[in-house]
Amino acid sequence: MIEIDELDFRRYSPAQLAAVRPSLERLADITRRNLRLLDGVLGVEGDDPAQGRKL
């Protein structure tokens, strides 16, 4: 298992990283979708995904 908040990927083998990459891509897609939904609730407009976090 790889901690998703771990930024030092050097401690993992390329095979381990390749194995979790599809799951991390899916998580990123879900996170982007959730941020867009949250921005809609907050009334943040525009295509800039960072805009919602600037509030």
PDB file of N, CA and C in Angstrom:
ATOM      1  N   MET A   1       0.847  -1.177   0.000  1.00  0.00           N
ATOM      2  CA  MET A   1       0.000   0.000   0.000  1.00  0.00           C
ATOM      3  C   MET A   1       0.892   1.240   0.000  1.00  0.00           C
ATOM      4  N   ILE A   2       0.474   2.250  -0.735  1.00  0.00           N
ATOM      5  CA  ILE A   2       1.201   3.509  -0.810  1.00  0.00           C
ATOM      6  C   ILE A   2       0.324   4.596  -0.202  1.00  0.00           C
ATOM      7  N   GLU A   3       0.915   5.354   0.702  1.00  0.00           N
ATOM      8  CA  GLU A   3       0.204   6.490   1.289  1.00  0.00           C
ATOM      9  C   GLU A   3       0.032   7.548   0.212  1.00  0.00           C
ATOM     10  N   ILE A   4      -1.198   7.996  -0.023  1.00  0.00           N
ATOM     11  CA  ILE A   4      -1.418   8.941  -1.114  1.00  0.00           C
ATOM     12  C   ILE A   4      -0.892  10.332  -0.791  1.00  0.00           C
ATOM     13  N   ASP A   5      -0.637  10.621   0.462  1.00  0.00           N
ATOM     14  CA  ASP A   5      -0.108  11.937   0.799  1.00  0.00           C
ATOM     15  C   ASP A   5       1.417  11.937   0.848  1.00  0.00           C
ATOM     16  N   GLU A   6       2.007  10.809   0.545  1.00  0.00           N
ATOM     17  CA  GLU A   6       3.470  10.687   0.528  1.00  0.00           C
ATOM     18  C   GLU A   6       4.012  11.282  -0.765  1.00  0.00           C
ATOM     19  N   LEU A   7       4.869  12.273  -0.651  1.00  0.00           N
ATOM     20  CA  LEU A   7       5.401  12.932  -1.834  1.00  0.00           C
ATOM     21  C   LEU A   7       6.740  12.374  -2.285  1.00  0.00           C
ATOM     22  N   ASP A   8       7.390  11.602  -1.452  1.00  0.00           N
ATOM     23  CA  ASP A   8       8.700  11.045  -1.793  1.00  0.00           C
ATOM     24  C   ASP A   8       8.513   9.657  -2.408  1.00  0.00           C
ATOM     25  N   PHE A   9       8.319   9.643  -3.733  1.00  0.00           N
ATOM     26  CA  PHE A   9       8.068   8.378  -4.409  1.00  0.00           C
ATOM     27  C   PHE A   9       9.329   7.536  -4.566  1.00  0.00           C
ATOM     28  N   ARG A  10      10.494   8.074  -4.204  1.00  0.00           N
ATOM     29  CA  ARG A  10      11.745   7.324  -4.345  1.00  0.00           C
ATOM     30  C   ARG A  10      11.772   6.065  -3.495  1.00  0.00           C
ATOM     31  N   ARG A  11      10.976   6.024  -2.459  1.00  0.00           N
ATOM     32  CA  ARG A  11      11.007   4.849  -1.591  1.00  0.00           C
ATOM     33  C   ARG A  11      10.234   3.670  -2.157  1.00  0.00           C
ATOM     34  N   TYR A  12       9.542   3.874  -3.295  1.00  0.00           N
ATOM     35  CA  TYR A  12       8.757   2.814  -3.920  1.00  0.00           C
ATOM     36  C   TYR A  12       9.401   2.387  -5.232  1.00  0.00           C
ATOM     37  N   SER A  13       9.214   1.144  -5.569  1.00  0.00           N
ATOM     38  CA  SER A  13       9.762   0.638  -6.827  1.00  0.00           C
ATOM     39  C   SER A  13       8.898   1.117  -7.993  1.00  0.00           C
ATOM     40  N   PRO A  14       9.475   1.156  -9.189  1.00  0.00           N
ATOM     41  CA  PRO A  14       8.668   1.514 -10.358  1.00  0.00           C
ATOM     42  C   PRO A  14       7.453   0.595 -10.534  1.00  0.00           C
ATOM     43  N   ALA A  15       7.606  -0.671 -10.201  1.00  0.00           N
ATOM     44  CA  ALA A  15       6.485  -1.613 -10.316  1.00  0.00           C
ATOM     45  C   ALA A  15       5.363  -1.252  -9.348  1.00  0.00           C
ATOM     46  N   GLN A  16       5.712  -0.859  -8.127  1.00  0.00           N
ATOM     47  CA  GLN A  16       4.697  -0.452  -7.150  1.00  0.00           C
ATOM     48  C   GLN A  16       3.969   0.807  -7.628  1.00  0.00           C
ATOM     49  N   LEU A  17       4.719   1.759  -8.129  1.00  0.00           N
ATOM     50  CA  LEU A  17       4.116   2.994  -8.602  1.00  0.00           C
ATOM     51  C   LEU A  17       3.220   2.744  -9.807  1.00  0.00           C
ATOM     52  N   ALA A  18       3.675   1.897 -10.724  1.00  0.00           N
ATOM     53  CA  ALA A  18       2.868   1.578 -11.900  1.00  0.00           C
ATOM     54  C   ALA A  18       1.567   0.882 -11.502  1.00  0.00           C
ATOM     55  N   ALA A  19       1.632   0.078 -10.456  1.00  0.00           N
ATOM     56  CA  ALA A  19       0.446  -0.652 -10.009  1.00  0.00           C
ATOM     57  C   ALA A  19      -0.619   0.271  -9.422  1.00  0.00           C
ATOM     58  N   VAL A  20      -0.204   1.339  -8.763  1.00  0.00           N
ATOM     59  CA  VAL A  20      -1.195   2.222  -8.127  1.00  0.00           C
ATOM     60  C   VAL A  20      -1.579   3.414  -8.997  1.00  0.00           C
ATOM     61  N   ARG A  21      -0.858   3.629 -10.099  1.00  0.00           N
ATOM     62  CA  ARG A  21      -1.144   4.791 -10.941  1.00  0.00           C
ATOM     63  C   ARG A  21      -2.595   4.855 -11.420  1.00  0.00           C
ATOM     64  N   PRO A  22      -3.195   3.757 -11.905  1.00  0.00           N
ATOM     65  CA  PRO A  22      -4.592   3.835 -12.338  1.00  0.00           C
ATOM     66  C   PRO A  22      -5.537   4.265 -11.202  1.00  0.00           C
ATOM     67  N   SER A  23      -5.277   3.790 -10.011  1.00  0.00           N
ATOM     68  CA  SER A  23      -6.116   4.172  -8.872  1.00  0.00           C
ATOM     69  C   SER A  23      -5.940   5.651  -8.537  1.00  0.00           C
ATOM     70  N   LEU A  24      -4.710   6.152  -8.640  1.00  0.00           N
ATOM     71  CA  LEU A  24      -4.467   7.569  -8.369  1.00  0.00           C
ATOM     72  C   LEU A  24      -5.104   8.449  -9.441  1.00  0.00           C
ATOM     73  N   GLU A  25      -5.097   7.982 -10.701  1.00  0.00           N
ATOM     74  CA  GLU A  25      -5.779   8.726 -11.762  1.00  0.00           C
ATOM     75  C   GLU A  25      -7.269   8.811 -11.475  1.00  0.00           C
ATOM     76  N   ARG A  26      -7.859   7.706 -11.067  1.00  0.00           N
ATOM     77  CA  ARG A  26      -9.295   7.678 -10.746  1.00  0.00           C
ATOM     78  C   ARG A  26      -9.576   8.611  -9.575  1.00  0.00           C
ATOM     79  N   LEU A  27      -8.755   8.572  -8.558  1.00  0.00           N
ATOM     80  CA  LEU A  27      -8.924   9.454  -7.407  1.00  0.00           C
ATOM     81  C   LEU A  27      -8.830  10.917  -7.832  1.00  0.00           C
ATOM     82  N   ALA A  28      -7.892  11.232  -8.726  1.00  0.00           N
ATOM     83  CA  ALA A  28      -7.753  12.606  -9.217  1.00  0.00           C
ATOM     84  C   ALA A  28      -9.004  13.033  -9.975  1.00  0.00           C
ATOM     85  N   ASP A  29      -9.556  12.143 -10.801  1.00  0.00           N
ATOM     86  CA  ASP A  29     -10.788  12.466 -11.531  1.00  0.00           C
ATOM     87  C   ASP A  29     -11.940  12.739 -10.572  1.00  0.00           C
ATOM     88  N   ILE A  30     -12.081  11.894  -9.572  1.00  0.00           N
ATOM     89  CA  ILE A  30     -13.153  12.070  -8.587  1.00  0.00           C
ATOM     90  C   ILE A  30     -12.957  13.368  -7.820  1.00  0.00           C
ATOM     91  N   THR A  31     -11.718  13.661  -7.446  1.00  0.00           N
ATOM     92  CA  THR A  31     -11.426  14.889  -6.702  1.00  0.00           C
ATOM     93  C   THR A  31     -11.745  16.117  -7.536  1.00  0.00           C
ATOM     94  N   ARG A  32     -11.352  16.116  -8.826  1.00  0.00           N
ATOM     95  CA  ARG A  32     -11.673  17.249  -9.708  1.00  0.00           C
ATOM     96  C   ARG A  32     -13.178  17.433  -9.832  1.00  0.00           C
ATOM     97  N   ARG A  33     -13.907  16.330  -9.991  1.00  0.00           N
ATOM     98  CA  ARG A  33     -15.370  16.410 -10.085  1.00  0.00           C
ATOM     99  C   ARG A  33     -15.958  16.982  -8.803  1.00  0.00           C
ATOM    100  N   ASN A  34     -15.490  16.496  -7.668  1.00  0.00           N
ATOM    101  CA  ASN A  34     -16.010  16.987  -6.392  1.00  0.00           C
ATOM    102  C   ASN A  34     -15.691  18.463  -6.186  1.00  0.00           C
ATOM    103  N   LEU A  35     -14.514  18.906  -6.632  1.00  0.00           N
ATOM    104  CA  LEU A  35     -14.181  20.324  -6.525  1.00  0.00           C
ATOM    105  C   LEU A  35     -15.090  21.173  -7.412  1.00  0.00           C
ATOM    106  N   ARG A  36     -15.412  20.676  -8.616  1.00  0.00           N
ATOM    107  CA  ARG A  36     -16.346  21.413  -9.488  1.00  0.00           C
ATOM    108  C   ARG A  36     -17.717  21.507  -8.838  1.00  0.00           C
ATOM    109  N   LEU A  37     -18.182  20.409  -8.241  1.00  0.00           N
ATOM    110  CA  LEU A  37     -19.483  20.423  -7.558  1.00  0.00           C
ATOM    111  C   LEU A  37     -19.461  21.391  -6.380  1.00  0.00           C
ATOM    112  N   LEU A  38     -18.391  21.365  -5.626  1.00  0.00           N
ATOM    113  CA  LEU A  38     -18.248  22.271  -4.495  1.00  0.00           C
ATOM    114  C   LEU A  38     -18.228  23.718  -4.955  1.00  0.00           C
ATOM    115  N   ASP A  39     -17.494  23.992  -6.037  1.00  0.00           N
ATOM    116  CA  ASP A  39     -17.464  25.347  -6.586  1.00  0.00           C
ATOM    117  C   ASP A  39     -18.861  25.798  -6.986  1.00  0.00           C
ATOM    118  N   GLY A  40     -19.657  24.876  -7.535  1.00  0.00           N
ATOM    119  CA  GLY A  40     -21.033  25.209  -7.896  1.00  0.00           C
ATOM    120  C   GLY A  40     -21.855  25.587  -6.679  1.00  0.00           C
ATOM    121  N   VAL A  41     -21.693  24.847  -5.601  1.00  0.00           N
ATOM    122  CA  VAL A  41     -22.416  25.149  -4.363  1.00  0.00           C
ATOM    123  C   VAL A  41     -21.956  26.485  -3.786  1.00  0.00           C
ATOM    124  N   LEU A  42     -20.662  26.770  -3.905  1.00  0.00           N
ATOM    125  CA  LEU A  42     -20.111  28.019  -3.371  1.00  0.00           C
ATOM    126  C   LEU A  42     -20.344  29.207  -4.298  1.00  0.00           C
ATOM    127  N   GLY A  43     -20.820  28.935  -5.500  1.00  0.00           N
ATOM    128  CA  GLY A  43     -21.076  30.005  -6.443  1.00  0.00           C
ATOM    129  C   GLY A  43     -19.846  30.505  -7.158  1.00  0.00           C
ATOM    130  N   VAL A  44     -18.808  29.681  -7.190  1.00  0.00           N
ATOM    131  CA  VAL A  44     -17.581  30.058  -7.889  1.00  0.00           C
ATOM    132  C   VAL A  44     -17.765  29.714  -9.358  1.00  0.00           C
ATOM    133  N   GLU A  45     -17.507  30.682 -10.236  1.00  0.00           N
ATOM    134  CA  GLU A  45     -17.676  30.455 -11.661  1.00  0.00           C
ATOM    135  C   GLU A  45     -16.328  30.447 -12.354  1.00  0.00           C
ATOM    136  N   GLY A  46     -16.326  29.928 -13.570  1.00  0.00           N
ATOM    137  CA  GLY A  46     -15.106  29.930 -14.371  1.00  0.00           C
ATOM    138  C   GLY A  46     -14.510  28.556 -14.476  1.00  0.00           C
ATOM    139  N   ASP A  47     -13.525  28.459 -15.355  1.00  0.00           N
ATOM    140  CA  ASP A  47     -12.874  27.176 -15.609  1.00  0.00           C
ATOM    141  C   ASP A  47     -11.585  27.016 -14.829  1.00  0.00           C
ATOM    142  N   ASP A  48     -11.239  28.001 -14.013  1.00  0.00           N
ATOM    143  CA  ASP A  48      -9.995  27.929 -13.254  1.00  0.00           C
ATOM    144  C   ASP A  48     -10.215  27.069 -12.019  1.00  0.00           C
ATOM    145  N   PRO A  49      -9.662  25.830 -11.995  1.00  0.00           N
ATOM    146  CA  PRO A  49      -9.903  24.959 -10.844  1.00  0.00           C
ATOM    147  C   PRO A  49      -9.330  25.503  -9.546  1.00  0.00           C
ATOM    148  N   ALA A  50      -8.360  26.393  -9.618  1.00  0.00           N
ATOM    149  CA  ALA A  50      -7.780  26.945  -8.394  1.00  0.00           C
ATOM    150  C   ALA A  50      -8.645  28.058  -7.825  1.00  0.00           C
ATOM    151  N   GLN A  51      -9.572  28.573  -8.620  1.00  0.00           N
ATOM    152  CA  GLN A  51     -10.394  29.706  -8.179  1.00  0.00           C
ATOM    153  C   GLN A  51     -11.143  29.390  -6.888  1.00  0.00           C
ATOM    154  N   GLY A  52     -11.703  28.205  -6.787  1.00  0.00           N
ATOM    155  CA  GLY A  52     -12.465  27.850  -5.594  1.00  0.00           C
ATOM    156  C   GLY A  52     -11.626  27.817  -4.345  1.00  0.00           C
ATOM    157  N   ARG A  53     -10.350  27.531  -4.496  1.00  0.00           N
ATOM    158  CA  ARG A  53      -9.477  27.461  -3.330  1.00  0.00           C
ATOM    159  C   ARG A  53      -8.933  28.816  -2.952  1.00  0.00           C
ATOM    160  N   LYS A  54      -9.185  29.839  -3.762  1.00  0.00           N
ATOM    161  CA  LYS A  54      -8.697  31.176  -3.458  1.00  0.00           C
ATOM    162  C   LYS A  54      -9.660  31.932  -2.563  1.00  0.00           C
ATOM    163  N   LEU A  55     -10.837  31.381  -2.323  1.00  0.00           N
ATOM    164  CA  LEU A  55     -11.839  32.080  -1.500  1.00  0.00           C
ATOM    165  C   LEU A  55     -11.385  32.258  -0.075  1.00  0.00           C
TER     166      LEU A  55
END
